[in-house]
N, C-alpha and C. Protein backbone atom coordinates (compact mmCIF):
# COMPACT_ATOMS: atom_id res chain seq x y z
N UNK A 1 45.46 -139.81 -88.60
CA UNK A 1 45.78 -138.53 -87.94
C UNK A 1 46.36 -138.80 -86.55
N UNK A 2 47.43 -138.10 -86.22
CA UNK A 2 48.06 -138.28 -84.92
C UNK A 2 47.18 -137.71 -83.81
N UNK A 3 47.60 -137.96 -82.57
CA UNK A 3 46.84 -137.46 -81.43
C UNK A 3 46.70 -135.94 -81.47
N UNK A 4 47.69 -135.30 -82.08
CA UNK A 4 47.67 -133.83 -82.13
C UNK A 4 47.27 -133.31 -83.51
N UNK A 5 46.68 -134.16 -84.32
CA UNK A 5 46.32 -133.78 -85.69
C UNK A 5 45.40 -132.58 -85.76
N UNK A 6 44.38 -132.56 -84.91
CA UNK A 6 43.43 -131.44 -84.93
C UNK A 6 44.10 -130.15 -84.48
N UNK A 7 45.01 -130.25 -83.51
CA UNK A 7 45.75 -129.07 -83.05
C UNK A 7 46.67 -128.56 -84.16
N UNK A 8 47.36 -129.48 -84.84
CA UNK A 8 48.22 -129.08 -85.95
C UNK A 8 47.42 -128.35 -87.02
N UNK A 9 46.26 -128.90 -87.36
CA UNK A 9 45.43 -128.29 -88.40
C UNK A 9 44.95 -126.90 -87.98
N UNK A 10 44.59 -126.77 -86.71
CA UNK A 10 44.11 -125.47 -86.22
C UNK A 10 45.21 -124.42 -86.27
N UNK A 11 46.44 -124.83 -85.88
CA UNK A 11 47.57 -123.89 -85.95
C UNK A 11 47.85 -123.51 -87.40
N UNK A 12 47.88 -124.51 -88.27
CA UNK A 12 48.15 -124.26 -89.69
C UNK A 12 47.14 -123.28 -90.28
N UNK A 13 45.88 -123.43 -89.88
CA UNK A 13 44.81 -122.56 -90.40
C UNK A 13 44.70 -121.23 -89.66
N UNK A 14 45.51 -121.07 -88.62
CA UNK A 14 45.46 -119.83 -87.86
C UNK A 14 44.16 -119.65 -87.11
N UNK A 15 43.54 -120.76 -86.73
CA UNK A 15 42.25 -120.73 -86.04
C UNK A 15 42.48 -120.62 -84.53
N UNK A 16 42.53 -119.39 -84.04
CA UNK A 16 42.87 -119.14 -82.64
C UNK A 16 41.92 -119.87 -81.69
N UNK A 17 40.62 -119.80 -81.95
CA UNK A 17 39.65 -120.41 -81.04
C UNK A 17 39.88 -121.92 -80.92
N UNK A 18 40.09 -122.59 -82.05
CA UNK A 18 40.28 -124.03 -82.01
C UNK A 18 41.62 -124.41 -81.38
N UNK A 19 42.64 -123.59 -81.62
CA UNK A 19 43.95 -123.86 -81.00
C UNK A 19 43.83 -123.79 -79.49
N UNK A 20 43.16 -122.76 -78.99
CA UNK A 20 42.96 -122.60 -77.56
C UNK A 20 42.11 -123.76 -77.01
N UNK A 21 41.02 -124.08 -77.71
CA UNK A 21 40.15 -125.16 -77.27
C UNK A 21 40.90 -126.49 -77.19
N UNK A 22 41.72 -126.78 -78.20
CA UNK A 22 42.47 -128.03 -78.22
C UNK A 22 43.50 -128.07 -77.09
N UNK A 23 44.16 -126.94 -76.86
CA UNK A 23 45.17 -126.88 -75.79
C UNK A 23 44.52 -127.12 -74.43
N UNK A 24 43.40 -126.46 -74.19
CA UNK A 24 42.68 -126.64 -72.93
C UNK A 24 42.20 -128.08 -72.79
N UNK A 25 41.69 -128.65 -73.87
CA UNK A 25 41.17 -130.02 -73.83
C UNK A 25 42.28 -131.01 -73.47
N UNK A 26 43.45 -130.86 -74.06
CA UNK A 26 44.56 -131.76 -73.74
C UNK A 26 44.97 -131.64 -72.28
N UNK A 27 45.00 -130.41 -71.76
CA UNK A 27 45.35 -130.21 -70.36
C UNK A 27 44.31 -130.87 -69.45
N UNK A 28 43.03 -130.69 -69.79
CA UNK A 28 41.95 -131.27 -68.97
C UNK A 28 41.97 -132.80 -69.01
N UNK A 29 42.49 -133.36 -70.10
CA UNK A 29 42.60 -134.81 -70.22
C UNK A 29 43.82 -135.37 -69.48
N UNK A 30 44.64 -134.46 -68.95
CA UNK A 30 45.81 -134.89 -68.22
C UNK A 30 47.02 -135.16 -69.08
N UNK A 31 47.02 -134.67 -70.32
CA UNK A 31 48.16 -134.85 -71.21
C UNK A 31 49.37 -134.10 -70.67
N UNK A 32 50.52 -134.74 -70.73
CA UNK A 32 51.76 -134.11 -70.28
C UNK A 32 51.95 -132.79 -71.02
N UNK A 33 52.08 -131.66 -70.28
CA UNK A 33 52.22 -130.36 -70.96
C UNK A 33 53.44 -130.29 -71.87
N UNK A 34 54.49 -131.04 -71.55
CA UNK A 34 55.67 -131.06 -72.42
C UNK A 34 55.33 -131.69 -73.76
N UNK A 35 54.45 -132.70 -73.76
CA UNK A 35 54.01 -133.31 -75.02
C UNK A 35 53.17 -132.32 -75.83
N UNK A 36 52.30 -131.60 -75.14
CA UNK A 36 51.47 -130.61 -75.85
C UNK A 36 52.36 -129.58 -76.52
N UNK A 37 53.40 -129.17 -75.80
CA UNK A 37 54.32 -128.18 -76.36
C UNK A 37 55.12 -128.77 -77.52
N UNK A 38 55.82 -129.87 -77.26
CA UNK A 38 56.76 -130.39 -78.24
C UNK A 38 56.09 -131.08 -79.43
N UNK A 39 55.16 -131.97 -79.16
CA UNK A 39 54.52 -132.70 -80.25
C UNK A 39 53.36 -131.92 -80.88
N UNK A 40 52.73 -131.09 -80.05
CA UNK A 40 51.59 -130.33 -80.54
C UNK A 40 51.96 -129.00 -81.15
N UNK A 41 52.32 -128.05 -80.30
CA UNK A 41 52.54 -126.68 -80.77
C UNK A 41 53.83 -126.54 -81.59
N UNK A 42 54.95 -127.05 -81.08
CA UNK A 42 56.20 -126.92 -81.82
C UNK A 42 56.15 -127.69 -83.12
N UNK A 43 55.55 -128.89 -83.07
CA UNK A 43 55.40 -129.66 -84.29
C UNK A 43 54.62 -128.92 -85.36
N UNK A 44 53.53 -128.27 -84.95
CA UNK A 44 52.71 -127.51 -85.89
C UNK A 44 53.46 -126.29 -86.41
N UNK A 45 54.16 -125.60 -85.51
CA UNK A 45 54.87 -124.39 -85.90
C UNK A 45 56.03 -124.69 -86.85
N UNK A 46 56.67 -125.83 -86.65
CA UNK A 46 57.75 -126.23 -87.56
C UNK A 46 57.22 -126.35 -88.99
N UNK A 47 56.05 -126.95 -89.12
CA UNK A 47 55.45 -127.12 -90.44
C UNK A 47 55.10 -125.78 -91.07
N UNK A 48 54.54 -124.87 -90.26
CA UNK A 48 54.21 -123.53 -90.75
C UNK A 48 55.48 -122.81 -91.21
N UNK A 49 56.54 -122.90 -90.40
CA UNK A 49 57.79 -122.23 -90.73
C UNK A 49 58.39 -122.75 -92.03
N UNK A 50 58.36 -124.04 -92.23
CA UNK A 50 58.93 -124.63 -93.46
C UNK A 50 58.15 -124.19 -94.69
N UNK A 51 56.83 -124.15 -94.58
CA UNK A 51 56.02 -123.75 -95.73
C UNK A 51 56.12 -122.26 -96.00
N UNK A 52 56.35 -121.47 -94.95
CA UNK A 52 56.59 -120.04 -95.16
C UNK A 52 57.91 -119.83 -95.87
N UNK A 53 58.95 -120.54 -95.44
CA UNK A 53 60.27 -120.41 -96.05
C UNK A 53 60.25 -120.85 -97.51
N UNK A 54 59.41 -121.84 -97.84
CA UNK A 54 59.35 -122.34 -99.21
C UNK A 54 58.39 -121.54 -100.09
N UNK A 55 57.68 -120.59 -99.50
CA UNK A 55 56.76 -119.76 -100.27
C UNK A 55 55.36 -120.31 -100.40
N UNK A 56 55.06 -121.39 -99.70
CA UNK A 56 53.72 -121.97 -99.76
C UNK A 56 52.74 -121.25 -98.85
N UNK A 57 53.25 -120.63 -97.79
CA UNK A 57 52.44 -119.79 -96.91
C UNK A 57 52.97 -118.36 -96.97
N UNK A 58 52.09 -117.40 -96.71
CA UNK A 58 52.48 -116.00 -96.79
C UNK A 58 52.36 -115.33 -95.42
N UNK A 59 52.92 -114.15 -95.31
CA UNK A 59 53.04 -113.47 -94.01
C UNK A 59 51.72 -113.35 -93.25
N UNK A 60 50.62 -112.94 -93.89
CA UNK A 60 49.37 -112.83 -93.12
C UNK A 60 48.95 -114.16 -92.49
N UNK A 61 49.18 -115.27 -93.22
CA UNK A 61 48.84 -116.59 -92.69
C UNK A 61 49.74 -116.96 -91.52
N UNK A 62 51.02 -116.65 -91.65
CA UNK A 62 51.96 -116.94 -90.56
C UNK A 62 51.61 -116.11 -89.33
N UNK A 63 51.20 -114.86 -89.53
CA UNK A 63 50.82 -114.01 -88.41
C UNK A 63 49.65 -114.60 -87.64
N UNK A 64 48.67 -115.16 -88.35
CA UNK A 64 47.52 -115.78 -87.69
C UNK A 64 47.96 -117.01 -86.89
N UNK A 65 48.82 -117.83 -87.50
CA UNK A 65 49.30 -119.02 -86.80
C UNK A 65 50.11 -118.64 -85.56
N UNK A 66 50.99 -117.64 -85.72
CA UNK A 66 51.83 -117.20 -84.60
C UNK A 66 50.99 -116.64 -83.46
N UNK A 67 49.95 -115.90 -83.81
CA UNK A 67 49.09 -115.33 -82.76
C UNK A 67 48.34 -116.43 -82.02
N UNK A 68 47.89 -117.44 -82.76
CA UNK A 68 47.18 -118.56 -82.13
C UNK A 68 48.10 -119.32 -81.19
N UNK A 69 49.35 -119.54 -81.63
CA UNK A 69 50.35 -120.20 -80.79
C UNK A 69 50.61 -119.38 -79.53
N UNK A 70 50.71 -118.07 -79.70
CA UNK A 70 50.98 -117.17 -78.58
C UNK A 70 49.91 -117.32 -77.50
N UNK A 71 48.65 -117.37 -77.91
CA UNK A 71 47.56 -117.51 -76.95
C UNK A 71 47.59 -118.89 -76.29
N UNK A 72 47.93 -119.92 -77.07
CA UNK A 72 48.02 -121.26 -76.49
C UNK A 72 49.13 -121.34 -75.45
N UNK A 73 50.25 -120.66 -75.72
CA UNK A 73 51.36 -120.67 -74.78
C UNK A 73 51.01 -119.99 -73.48
N UNK A 74 50.18 -118.95 -73.54
CA UNK A 74 49.75 -118.27 -72.31
C UNK A 74 48.97 -119.23 -71.42
N UNK A 75 48.22 -120.13 -72.04
CA UNK A 75 47.46 -121.12 -71.28
C UNK A 75 48.37 -122.22 -70.76
N UNK A 76 49.33 -122.61 -71.59
CA UNK A 76 50.17 -123.77 -71.29
C UNK A 76 51.30 -123.47 -70.31
N UNK A 77 51.81 -122.24 -70.32
CA UNK A 77 53.01 -121.91 -69.53
C UNK A 77 52.90 -122.24 -68.03
N UNK A 78 51.78 -121.95 -67.35
CA UNK A 78 51.71 -122.33 -65.93
C UNK A 78 51.86 -123.83 -65.70
N UNK A 79 51.29 -124.64 -66.59
CA UNK A 79 51.40 -126.09 -66.46
C UNK A 79 52.82 -126.56 -66.74
N UNK A 80 53.48 -125.92 -67.71
CA UNK A 80 54.88 -126.26 -67.99
C UNK A 80 55.76 -125.93 -66.79
N UNK A 81 55.53 -124.77 -66.19
CA UNK A 81 56.31 -124.37 -65.01
C UNK A 81 56.07 -125.32 -63.85
N UNK A 82 54.80 -125.67 -63.63
CA UNK A 82 54.46 -126.58 -62.53
C UNK A 82 55.08 -127.96 -62.73
N UNK A 83 55.24 -128.36 -63.99
CA UNK A 83 55.82 -129.67 -64.30
C UNK A 83 57.35 -129.63 -64.35
N UNK A 84 57.91 -128.43 -64.14
CA UNK A 84 59.37 -128.30 -64.14
C UNK A 84 60.00 -128.34 -65.51
N UNK A 85 59.19 -128.05 -66.55
CA UNK A 85 59.72 -128.06 -67.92
C UNK A 85 60.49 -126.77 -68.17
N UNK A 86 61.76 -126.90 -68.45
CA UNK A 86 62.61 -125.74 -68.70
C UNK A 86 62.45 -125.25 -70.14
N UNK A 87 62.56 -123.94 -70.36
CA UNK A 87 62.52 -123.44 -71.74
C UNK A 87 63.72 -123.93 -72.54
N UNK A 88 63.56 -123.99 -73.85
CA UNK A 88 64.65 -124.46 -74.71
C UNK A 88 65.82 -123.50 -74.71
N UNK A 89 65.53 -122.24 -74.49
CA UNK A 89 66.55 -121.21 -74.48
C UNK A 89 65.91 -119.89 -74.10
N UNK A 90 66.71 -118.84 -74.01
CA UNK A 90 66.18 -117.54 -73.60
C UNK A 90 66.66 -116.44 -74.54
N UNK A 91 65.72 -115.56 -74.89
CA UNK A 91 66.00 -114.51 -75.88
C UNK A 91 65.45 -113.18 -75.38
N UNK A 92 66.25 -112.13 -75.49
CA UNK A 92 65.73 -110.77 -75.29
C UNK A 92 65.72 -110.12 -76.67
N UNK A 93 64.57 -109.55 -77.02
CA UNK A 93 64.37 -109.05 -78.38
C UNK A 93 63.87 -107.62 -78.36
N UNK A 94 64.21 -106.85 -79.39
CA UNK A 94 63.70 -105.49 -79.49
C UNK A 94 64.07 -104.88 -80.83
N UNK A 95 63.28 -103.88 -81.24
CA UNK A 95 63.62 -103.08 -82.40
C UNK A 95 64.55 -101.97 -81.94
N UNK A 96 65.66 -101.78 -82.65
CA UNK A 96 66.71 -100.88 -82.17
C UNK A 96 66.26 -99.42 -82.13
N UNK A 97 67.05 -98.61 -81.47
CA UNK A 97 66.75 -97.20 -81.26
C UNK A 97 66.49 -96.49 -82.59
N UNK A 98 65.51 -95.60 -82.57
CA UNK A 98 65.09 -94.74 -83.69
C UNK A 98 64.17 -95.45 -84.67
N UNK A 99 63.83 -96.71 -84.38
CA UNK A 99 62.97 -97.47 -85.29
C UNK A 99 61.68 -97.87 -84.56
N UNK A 100 60.54 -97.53 -85.17
CA UNK A 100 59.24 -97.76 -84.53
C UNK A 100 58.53 -99.01 -85.06
N UNK A 101 59.15 -99.75 -85.94
CA UNK A 101 58.49 -100.90 -86.56
C UNK A 101 58.48 -102.11 -85.62
N UNK A 102 57.36 -102.81 -85.59
CA UNK A 102 57.31 -103.94 -84.66
C UNK A 102 56.62 -105.19 -85.18
N UNK A 103 56.05 -105.17 -86.39
CA UNK A 103 55.30 -106.34 -86.85
C UNK A 103 56.21 -107.55 -86.98
N UNK A 104 57.33 -107.39 -87.69
CA UNK A 104 58.25 -108.50 -87.86
C UNK A 104 58.82 -108.98 -86.54
N UNK A 105 59.19 -108.03 -85.71
CA UNK A 105 59.74 -108.37 -84.39
C UNK A 105 58.72 -109.12 -83.55
N UNK A 106 57.47 -108.70 -83.60
CA UNK A 106 56.42 -109.37 -82.83
C UNK A 106 56.20 -110.80 -83.29
N UNK A 107 56.25 -111.01 -84.60
CA UNK A 107 56.07 -112.36 -85.13
C UNK A 107 57.22 -113.26 -84.69
N UNK A 108 58.45 -112.73 -84.76
CA UNK A 108 59.61 -113.51 -84.32
C UNK A 108 59.45 -113.89 -82.84
N UNK A 109 59.05 -112.92 -82.02
CA UNK A 109 58.88 -113.19 -80.58
C UNK A 109 57.82 -114.26 -80.34
N UNK A 110 56.70 -114.17 -81.06
CA UNK A 110 55.64 -115.16 -80.88
C UNK A 110 56.08 -116.54 -81.33
N UNK A 111 56.80 -116.61 -82.45
CA UNK A 111 57.24 -117.91 -82.95
C UNK A 111 58.32 -118.52 -82.06
N UNK A 112 59.16 -117.68 -81.48
CA UNK A 112 60.15 -118.19 -80.53
C UNK A 112 59.46 -118.76 -79.29
N UNK A 113 58.46 -118.04 -78.78
CA UNK A 113 57.71 -118.56 -77.62
C UNK A 113 57.03 -119.87 -77.97
N UNK A 114 56.44 -119.91 -79.17
CA UNK A 114 55.77 -121.13 -79.59
C UNK A 114 56.72 -122.28 -79.81
N UNK A 115 58.00 -121.98 -79.97
CA UNK A 115 59.01 -123.02 -80.13
C UNK A 115 59.68 -123.38 -78.81
N UNK A 116 59.14 -122.86 -77.71
CA UNK A 116 59.63 -123.25 -76.40
C UNK A 116 60.68 -122.36 -75.79
N UNK A 117 60.93 -121.19 -76.38
CA UNK A 117 61.92 -120.26 -75.82
C UNK A 117 61.25 -119.31 -74.82
N UNK A 118 62.03 -118.90 -73.83
CA UNK A 118 61.61 -117.82 -72.94
C UNK A 118 62.02 -116.51 -73.62
N UNK A 119 61.06 -115.61 -73.81
CA UNK A 119 61.32 -114.39 -74.57
C UNK A 119 60.94 -113.16 -73.76
N UNK A 120 61.85 -112.19 -73.70
CA UNK A 120 61.54 -110.88 -73.14
C UNK A 120 61.55 -109.88 -74.29
N UNK A 121 60.40 -109.27 -74.54
CA UNK A 121 60.27 -108.33 -75.66
C UNK A 121 60.35 -106.91 -75.10
N UNK A 122 61.40 -106.19 -75.49
CA UNK A 122 61.60 -104.82 -75.00
C UNK A 122 60.85 -103.78 -75.82
N UNK A 123 60.24 -104.22 -76.94
CA UNK A 123 59.45 -103.29 -77.73
C UNK A 123 60.22 -102.61 -78.84
N UNK A 124 59.88 -101.35 -79.09
CA UNK A 124 60.47 -100.58 -80.20
C UNK A 124 61.35 -99.46 -79.66
N UNK A 125 62.17 -98.89 -80.56
CA UNK A 125 63.01 -97.74 -80.21
C UNK A 125 63.83 -98.03 -78.94
N UNK A 126 64.50 -99.20 -78.94
CA UNK A 126 65.19 -99.66 -77.73
C UNK A 126 66.63 -99.16 -77.72
N UNK A 127 66.94 -98.35 -76.74
CA UNK A 127 68.29 -97.84 -76.55
C UNK A 127 69.22 -98.99 -76.15
N UNK A 128 70.50 -98.96 -76.58
CA UNK A 128 71.43 -100.02 -76.19
C UNK A 128 71.47 -100.28 -74.68
N UNK A 129 71.32 -99.21 -73.89
CA UNK A 129 71.37 -99.38 -72.43
C UNK A 129 70.26 -100.28 -71.92
N UNK A 130 69.10 -100.24 -72.59
CA UNK A 130 67.99 -101.09 -72.15
C UNK A 130 68.31 -102.56 -72.40
N UNK A 131 68.99 -102.84 -73.50
CA UNK A 131 69.43 -104.22 -73.73
C UNK A 131 70.44 -104.63 -72.65
N UNK A 132 71.36 -103.73 -72.33
CA UNK A 132 72.35 -104.02 -71.29
C UNK A 132 71.68 -104.24 -69.94
N UNK A 133 70.71 -103.41 -69.61
CA UNK A 133 70.00 -103.55 -68.34
C UNK A 133 69.30 -104.91 -68.25
N UNK A 134 68.66 -105.31 -69.37
CA UNK A 134 67.96 -106.59 -69.38
C UNK A 134 68.92 -107.75 -69.17
N UNK A 135 70.09 -107.66 -69.79
CA UNK A 135 71.09 -108.73 -69.66
C UNK A 135 71.74 -108.74 -68.29
N UNK A 136 71.76 -107.60 -67.63
CA UNK A 136 72.31 -107.51 -66.28
C UNK A 136 71.36 -108.13 -65.26
N UNK A 137 70.06 -107.93 -65.50
CA UNK A 137 69.04 -108.45 -64.57
C UNK A 137 68.83 -109.95 -64.73
N UNK A 138 68.89 -110.44 -65.98
CA UNK A 138 68.63 -111.86 -66.25
C UNK A 138 69.68 -112.39 -67.23
N UNK A 139 69.93 -113.69 -67.19
CA UNK A 139 70.92 -114.30 -68.07
C UNK A 139 70.25 -114.84 -69.34
N UNK A 140 70.11 -113.97 -70.31
CA UNK A 140 69.59 -114.39 -71.61
C UNK A 140 70.73 -114.95 -72.44
N UNK A 141 70.39 -115.89 -73.31
CA UNK A 141 71.40 -116.51 -74.15
C UNK A 141 71.55 -115.82 -75.50
N UNK A 142 70.46 -115.20 -75.96
CA UNK A 142 70.46 -114.56 -77.28
C UNK A 142 69.89 -113.15 -77.18
N UNK A 143 70.52 -112.22 -77.89
CA UNK A 143 69.99 -110.88 -78.06
C UNK A 143 69.56 -110.76 -79.52
N UNK A 144 68.28 -110.48 -79.76
CA UNK A 144 67.76 -110.38 -81.12
C UNK A 144 67.43 -108.92 -81.43
N UNK A 145 68.06 -108.40 -82.46
CA UNK A 145 67.92 -106.99 -82.83
C UNK A 145 67.22 -106.87 -84.17
N UNK A 146 66.18 -106.04 -84.22
CA UNK A 146 65.43 -105.82 -85.45
C UNK A 146 65.63 -104.39 -85.93
N UNK A 147 65.81 -104.22 -87.26
CA UNK A 147 65.94 -102.89 -87.84
C UNK A 147 65.29 -102.87 -89.22
N UNK A 148 64.40 -101.93 -89.42
CA UNK A 148 63.68 -101.83 -90.70
C UNK A 148 64.06 -100.58 -91.49
N UNK A 149 64.68 -99.61 -90.85
CA UNK A 149 65.00 -98.34 -91.50
C UNK A 149 66.50 -98.19 -91.73
N UNK A 150 66.85 -97.56 -92.84
CA UNK A 150 68.26 -97.29 -93.12
C UNK A 150 68.86 -96.43 -92.01
N UNK A 151 68.06 -95.49 -91.50
CA UNK A 151 68.56 -94.59 -90.45
C UNK A 151 68.77 -95.31 -89.12
N UNK A 152 68.13 -96.46 -88.94
CA UNK A 152 68.30 -97.18 -87.68
C UNK A 152 69.42 -98.21 -87.75
N UNK A 153 69.94 -98.45 -88.96
CA UNK A 153 70.98 -99.46 -89.13
C UNK A 153 72.21 -99.24 -88.25
N UNK A 154 72.71 -97.99 -88.12
CA UNK A 154 73.87 -97.77 -87.25
C UNK A 154 73.64 -98.19 -85.80
N UNK A 155 72.37 -98.17 -85.37
CA UNK A 155 72.09 -98.54 -83.98
C UNK A 155 72.26 -100.04 -83.73
N UNK A 156 72.20 -100.83 -84.80
CA UNK A 156 72.48 -102.26 -84.65
C UNK A 156 73.94 -102.44 -84.25
N UNK A 157 74.83 -101.79 -85.02
CA UNK A 157 76.26 -101.87 -84.72
C UNK A 157 76.57 -101.26 -83.36
N UNK A 158 75.92 -100.15 -83.03
CA UNK A 158 76.16 -99.48 -81.75
C UNK A 158 75.75 -100.38 -80.58
N UNK A 159 74.64 -101.09 -80.74
CA UNK A 159 74.18 -101.99 -79.68
C UNK A 159 75.15 -103.15 -79.49
N UNK A 160 75.64 -103.70 -80.59
CA UNK A 160 76.61 -104.81 -80.50
C UNK A 160 77.90 -104.33 -79.83
N UNK A 161 78.34 -103.12 -80.19
CA UNK A 161 79.55 -102.58 -79.55
C UNK A 161 79.32 -102.35 -78.06
N UNK A 162 78.11 -101.92 -77.70
CA UNK A 162 77.79 -101.69 -76.28
C UNK A 162 77.87 -103.00 -75.50
N UNK A 163 77.44 -104.09 -76.11
CA UNK A 163 77.55 -105.40 -75.47
C UNK A 163 79.02 -105.76 -75.26
N UNK A 164 79.83 -105.47 -76.26
CA UNK A 164 81.27 -105.75 -76.16
C UNK A 164 81.90 -104.91 -75.06
N UNK A 165 81.60 -103.61 -75.05
CA UNK A 165 82.19 -102.70 -74.06
C UNK A 165 81.80 -103.07 -72.63
N UNK A 166 80.60 -103.65 -72.48
CA UNK A 166 80.12 -104.02 -71.15
C UNK A 166 80.62 -105.40 -70.72
N UNK A 167 81.38 -106.05 -71.59
CA UNK A 167 81.91 -107.38 -71.27
C UNK A 167 80.87 -108.49 -71.32
N UNK A 168 79.77 -108.24 -72.05
CA UNK A 168 78.67 -109.21 -72.12
C UNK A 168 78.68 -110.02 -73.42
N UNK A 169 79.49 -109.58 -74.36
CA UNK A 169 79.40 -110.17 -75.70
C UNK A 169 79.76 -111.66 -75.73
N UNK A 170 80.68 -112.07 -74.90
CA UNK A 170 81.13 -113.46 -74.97
C UNK A 170 80.10 -114.45 -74.43
N UNK A 171 79.18 -113.97 -73.60
CA UNK A 171 78.21 -114.90 -73.03
C UNK A 171 76.85 -114.87 -73.73
N UNK A 172 76.69 -114.02 -74.74
CA UNK A 172 75.43 -114.00 -75.48
C UNK A 172 75.68 -114.07 -76.99
N UNK A 173 74.73 -114.69 -77.68
CA UNK A 173 74.74 -114.70 -79.13
C UNK A 173 73.88 -113.53 -79.62
N UNK A 174 74.25 -112.95 -80.74
CA UNK A 174 73.50 -111.84 -81.30
C UNK A 174 72.88 -112.26 -82.63
N UNK A 175 71.57 -112.13 -82.71
CA UNK A 175 70.82 -112.41 -83.93
C UNK A 175 70.25 -111.10 -84.45
N UNK A 176 70.40 -110.85 -85.75
CA UNK A 176 69.85 -109.61 -86.32
C UNK A 176 68.94 -109.95 -87.50
N UNK A 177 68.01 -109.03 -87.77
CA UNK A 177 67.11 -109.20 -88.90
C UNK A 177 66.38 -107.92 -89.20
N UNK A 178 65.77 -107.86 -90.38
CA UNK A 178 65.05 -106.66 -90.78
C UNK A 178 65.37 -106.30 -92.22
N UNK A 179 64.54 -105.46 -92.80
CA UNK A 179 64.61 -105.16 -94.23
C UNK A 179 65.93 -104.55 -94.68
N UNK A 180 66.63 -103.84 -93.79
CA UNK A 180 67.86 -103.17 -94.20
C UNK A 180 69.10 -104.02 -93.96
N UNK A 181 68.91 -105.25 -93.49
CA UNK A 181 70.04 -106.10 -93.17
C UNK A 181 70.13 -107.29 -94.12
N UNK A 182 71.32 -107.83 -94.23
CA UNK A 182 71.53 -109.09 -94.94
C UNK A 182 72.67 -109.81 -94.23
N UNK A 183 73.01 -111.00 -94.69
CA UNK A 183 74.03 -111.80 -94.02
C UNK A 183 75.38 -111.10 -94.01
N UNK A 184 75.73 -110.41 -95.09
CA UNK A 184 77.03 -109.72 -95.18
C UNK A 184 77.11 -108.59 -94.16
N UNK A 185 76.08 -107.75 -94.10
CA UNK A 185 76.07 -106.64 -93.15
C UNK A 185 76.08 -107.16 -91.71
N UNK A 186 75.34 -108.23 -91.48
CA UNK A 186 75.29 -108.81 -90.14
C UNK A 186 76.68 -109.25 -89.69
N UNK A 187 77.39 -109.92 -90.59
CA UNK A 187 78.75 -110.38 -90.26
C UNK A 187 79.69 -109.21 -90.03
N UNK A 188 79.56 -108.18 -90.85
CA UNK A 188 80.43 -107.00 -90.71
C UNK A 188 80.20 -106.31 -89.37
N UNK A 189 78.98 -106.35 -88.86
CA UNK A 189 78.67 -105.71 -87.58
C UNK A 189 79.03 -106.59 -86.38
N UNK A 190 79.39 -107.82 -86.65
CA UNK A 190 79.80 -108.70 -85.56
C UNK A 190 78.70 -109.56 -84.99
N UNK A 191 77.57 -109.67 -85.71
CA UNK A 191 76.47 -110.53 -85.25
C UNK A 191 76.84 -112.00 -85.45
N UNK A 192 76.23 -112.85 -84.65
CA UNK A 192 76.46 -114.29 -84.78
C UNK A 192 75.55 -114.92 -85.82
N UNK A 193 74.42 -114.28 -86.08
CA UNK A 193 73.48 -114.85 -87.03
C UNK A 193 72.57 -113.80 -87.63
N UNK A 194 72.05 -114.12 -88.81
CA UNK A 194 71.10 -113.25 -89.50
C UNK A 194 69.94 -114.10 -89.96
N UNK A 195 68.72 -113.57 -89.83
CA UNK A 195 67.53 -114.28 -90.30
C UNK A 195 66.69 -113.34 -91.15
N UNK A 196 66.35 -113.77 -92.37
CA UNK A 196 65.54 -112.92 -93.25
C UNK A 196 64.05 -112.94 -92.93
N UNK A 197 63.62 -113.90 -92.10
CA UNK A 197 62.20 -113.97 -91.74
C UNK A 197 62.05 -114.68 -90.40
N UNK A 198 60.81 -114.70 -89.90
CA UNK A 198 60.55 -115.23 -88.56
C UNK A 198 60.85 -116.72 -88.44
N UNK A 199 60.49 -117.48 -89.48
CA UNK A 199 60.71 -118.92 -89.41
C UNK A 199 62.19 -119.23 -89.29
N UNK A 200 62.99 -118.54 -90.10
CA UNK A 200 64.44 -118.80 -90.05
C UNK A 200 65.08 -118.19 -88.81
N UNK A 201 64.42 -117.21 -88.20
CA UNK A 201 64.93 -116.68 -86.92
C UNK A 201 64.90 -117.77 -85.85
N UNK A 202 63.84 -118.56 -85.82
CA UNK A 202 63.75 -119.66 -84.87
C UNK A 202 64.84 -120.69 -85.15
N UNK A 203 64.99 -121.07 -86.42
CA UNK A 203 66.01 -122.05 -86.80
C UNK A 203 67.40 -121.55 -86.46
N UNK A 204 67.65 -120.27 -86.69
CA UNK A 204 68.97 -119.69 -86.43
C UNK A 204 69.27 -119.67 -84.94
N UNK A 205 68.26 -119.32 -84.14
CA UNK A 205 68.44 -119.34 -82.67
C UNK A 205 68.80 -120.74 -82.21
N UNK A 206 68.08 -121.73 -82.71
CA UNK A 206 68.36 -123.12 -82.33
C UNK A 206 69.77 -123.52 -82.74
N UNK A 207 70.16 -123.13 -83.94
CA UNK A 207 71.49 -123.49 -84.43
C UNK A 207 72.58 -122.84 -83.60
N UNK A 208 72.39 -121.56 -83.25
CA UNK A 208 73.41 -120.85 -82.47
C UNK A 208 73.60 -121.46 -81.09
N UNK A 209 72.52 -122.04 -80.56
CA UNK A 209 72.57 -122.62 -79.22
C UNK A 209 72.81 -124.13 -79.24
N UNK A 210 72.99 -124.67 -80.45
CA UNK A 210 73.27 -126.10 -80.58
C UNK A 210 72.07 -126.97 -80.25
N UNK A 211 70.87 -126.46 -80.54
CA UNK A 211 69.63 -127.21 -80.27
C UNK A 211 69.15 -127.93 -81.52
N UNK A 212 68.49 -129.06 -81.36
CA UNK A 212 67.99 -129.80 -82.52
C UNK A 212 66.78 -129.09 -83.15
């Protein structure tokens, strides 16, 4: 078993208490926080994502793992900042206007954070202007749009057009996902990427930004 074997197992099992305990223990031992992130948390999350994509793990199990990672990141982030560890990338995420669904979006946000991304979650029913405001205040690299309802689908296209009209489209990548979307619709709306689930959302973000 590797140095992070117990942490990997705790993440895989969605055991929040053990994930937090292991993260704290590594910090108290003086382990480099970047190692805890990359070899510990990201390594574990990659395994969870692959097994979810292959059908070996199911959504409730992934939700437990993602929540455990989220809590570990809250503990780890101050140490990462103090050590000067930069995030792998930056994402602003939200469920588009007229849509109140947030479970899938929340899982994507947690898994992105657990993979080392800086994430700003705008929540649900997000008007295009709120995405524009967020991008004006901070330089995010990716805008992630979630839509679960047929009636909210037009707001995905409207948000992408708003980015274009504001002159922001060329400096950000757009990732879309949700039950009413597929790769064809995403391309037609002008998105850079589409992800059918949270695990592939992380992989797609990395691919769009040229990250390993």
